Amino acid sequence: MPRYFTDDLLRRLRNDIAWATLLKQLDWPHKLRQGQLAFLCPRCQE
C-alpha cells in the first residue's frame, strides 16, 4: 500500500495543531480538566 503522507508531515500535524481550536471548529464537545484536554459525551456533555 503506498504511503501518501511522510512521517515528518504526520508528526507535524500531531504536534503543531492547536487541538482546542480544531475541536471548536468541528463543534466537538470538549473542555479542559486540570489543564488537560478532555473529550465530553455528545449526549450529556460530561
N, C-alpha and C. Protein backbone atom coordinates (compact mmCIF):
# COMPACT_ATOMS: atom_id res chain seq x y z
N MET A 1 0.84 -1.17 0.00
CA MET A 1 0.00 0.00 0.00
C MET A 1 0.89 1.25 0.00
N PRO A 2 0.66 2.17 -0.91
CA PRO A 2 1.52 3.36 -0.98
C PRO A 2 1.30 4.29 0.21
N ARG A 3 2.35 5.00 0.56
CA ARG A 3 2.26 5.98 1.65
C ARG A 3 1.98 7.34 1.05
N TYR A 4 0.93 7.97 1.50
CA TYR A 4 0.53 9.26 0.97
C TYR A 4 1.14 10.42 1.75
N PHE A 5 1.48 10.18 3.00
CA PHE A 5 1.99 11.25 3.86
C PHE A 5 3.33 10.82 4.44
N THR A 6 4.25 11.75 4.47
CA THR A 6 5.56 11.44 5.05
C THR A 6 5.45 11.38 6.57
N ASP A 7 6.40 10.70 7.18
CA ASP A 7 6.43 10.64 8.64
C ASP A 7 6.54 12.04 9.24
N ASP A 8 7.33 12.88 8.61
CA ASP A 8 7.52 14.24 9.11
C ASP A 8 6.21 15.03 9.08
N LEU A 9 5.45 14.92 8.01
CA LEU A 9 4.17 15.63 7.92
C LEU A 9 3.21 15.15 9.00
N LEU A 10 3.10 13.86 9.17
CA LEU A 10 2.21 13.32 10.19
C LEU A 10 2.64 13.75 11.59
N ARG A 11 3.93 13.77 11.84
CA ARG A 11 4.46 14.21 13.14
C ARG A 11 4.12 15.68 13.37
N ARG A 12 4.30 16.51 12.34
CA ARG A 12 3.98 17.94 12.49
C ARG A 12 2.50 18.16 12.72
N LEU A 13 1.67 17.42 12.02
CA LEU A 13 0.23 17.54 12.23
C LEU A 13 -0.14 17.19 13.67
N ARG A 14 0.43 16.12 14.16
CA ARG A 14 0.14 15.68 15.52
C ARG A 14 0.62 16.70 16.55
N ASN A 15 1.79 17.27 16.34
CA ASN A 15 2.40 18.13 17.35
C ASN A 15 2.07 19.61 17.21
N ASP A 16 1.76 20.08 16.02
CA ASP A 16 1.62 21.52 15.79
C ASP A 16 0.19 22.02 15.77
N ILE A 17 -0.77 21.13 15.65
CA ILE A 17 -2.16 21.58 15.59
C ILE A 17 -2.63 21.96 16.98
N ALA A 18 -3.29 23.09 17.08
CA ALA A 18 -3.91 23.50 18.34
C ALA A 18 -5.22 22.73 18.46
N TRP A 19 -5.22 21.68 19.29
CA TRP A 19 -6.36 20.78 19.36
C TRP A 19 -7.63 21.47 19.80
N ALA A 20 -7.55 22.36 20.77
CA ALA A 20 -8.76 23.05 21.25
C ALA A 20 -9.40 23.84 20.11
N THR A 21 -8.60 24.50 19.30
CA THR A 21 -9.11 25.27 18.17
C THR A 21 -9.76 24.34 17.14
N LEU A 22 -9.11 23.24 16.85
CA LEU A 22 -9.65 22.27 15.90
C LEU A 22 -10.98 21.72 16.38
N LEU A 23 -11.05 21.35 17.65
CA LEU A 23 -12.27 20.78 18.19
C LEU A 23 -13.42 21.80 18.20
N LYS A 24 -13.09 23.07 18.42
CA LYS A 24 -14.12 24.12 18.34
C LYS A 24 -14.63 24.25 16.91
N GLN A 25 -13.72 24.20 15.94
CA GLN A 25 -14.12 24.29 14.53
C GLN A 25 -15.02 23.11 14.14
N LEU A 26 -14.72 21.93 14.67
CA LEU A 26 -15.50 20.74 14.37
C LEU A 26 -16.75 20.63 15.24
N ASP A 27 -16.89 21.54 16.20
CA ASP A 27 -18.00 21.53 17.15
C ASP A 27 -18.04 20.21 17.92
N TRP A 28 -16.86 19.75 18.33
CA TRP A 28 -16.70 18.50 19.06
C TRP A 28 -16.69 18.84 20.56
N PRO A 29 -17.56 18.23 21.36
CA PRO A 29 -17.62 18.59 22.77
C PRO A 29 -16.33 18.24 23.51
N HIS A 30 -15.80 19.25 24.24
CA HIS A 30 -14.56 19.07 24.98
C HIS A 30 -14.45 20.17 26.03
N LYS A 31 -13.55 19.98 26.98
CA LYS A 31 -13.22 21.02 27.93
C LYS A 31 -11.88 20.70 28.55
N LEU A 32 -11.34 21.68 29.26
CA LEU A 32 -10.09 21.48 29.96
C LEU A 32 -10.39 21.05 31.39
N ARG A 33 -9.77 19.97 31.81
CA ARG A 33 -9.88 19.48 33.18
C ARG A 33 -8.48 19.45 33.76
N GLN A 34 -8.25 20.27 34.74
CA GLN A 34 -6.94 20.36 35.40
C GLN A 34 -5.82 20.56 34.38
N GLY A 35 -6.08 21.41 33.39
CA GLY A 35 -5.08 21.74 32.39
C GLY A 35 -4.94 20.76 31.25
N GLN A 36 -5.73 19.68 31.24
CA GLN A 36 -5.66 18.69 30.17
C GLN A 36 -6.95 18.68 29.37
N LEU A 37 -6.82 18.50 28.08
CA LEU A 37 -7.97 18.43 27.19
C LEU A 37 -8.73 17.14 27.43
N ALA A 38 -10.05 17.26 27.61
CA ALA A 38 -10.89 16.07 27.84
C ALA A 38 -12.06 16.10 26.87
N PHE A 39 -12.34 14.96 26.25
CA PHE A 39 -13.47 14.84 25.37
C PHE A 39 -14.72 14.61 26.21
N LEU A 40 -15.85 15.16 25.77
CA LEU A 40 -17.10 15.04 26.50
C LEU A 40 -18.07 14.14 25.75
N CYS A 41 -18.97 13.55 26.49
CA CYS A 41 -20.03 12.74 25.89
C CYS A 41 -20.92 13.67 25.06
N PRO A 42 -21.22 13.34 23.83
CA PRO A 42 -22.07 14.20 23.00
C PRO A 42 -23.50 14.32 23.53
N ARG A 43 -23.94 13.36 24.31
CA ARG A 43 -25.30 13.41 24.84
C ARG A 43 -25.42 14.23 26.12
N CYS A 44 -24.58 13.89 27.11
CA CYS A 44 -24.73 14.54 28.42
C CYS A 44 -23.71 15.63 28.67
N GLN A 45 -22.73 15.80 27.80
CA GLN A 45 -21.69 16.83 27.93
C GLN A 45 -20.82 16.66 29.18
N GLU A 46 -20.68 15.44 29.66
CA GLU A 46 -19.80 15.16 30.81
C GLU A 46 -18.76 14.12 30.45
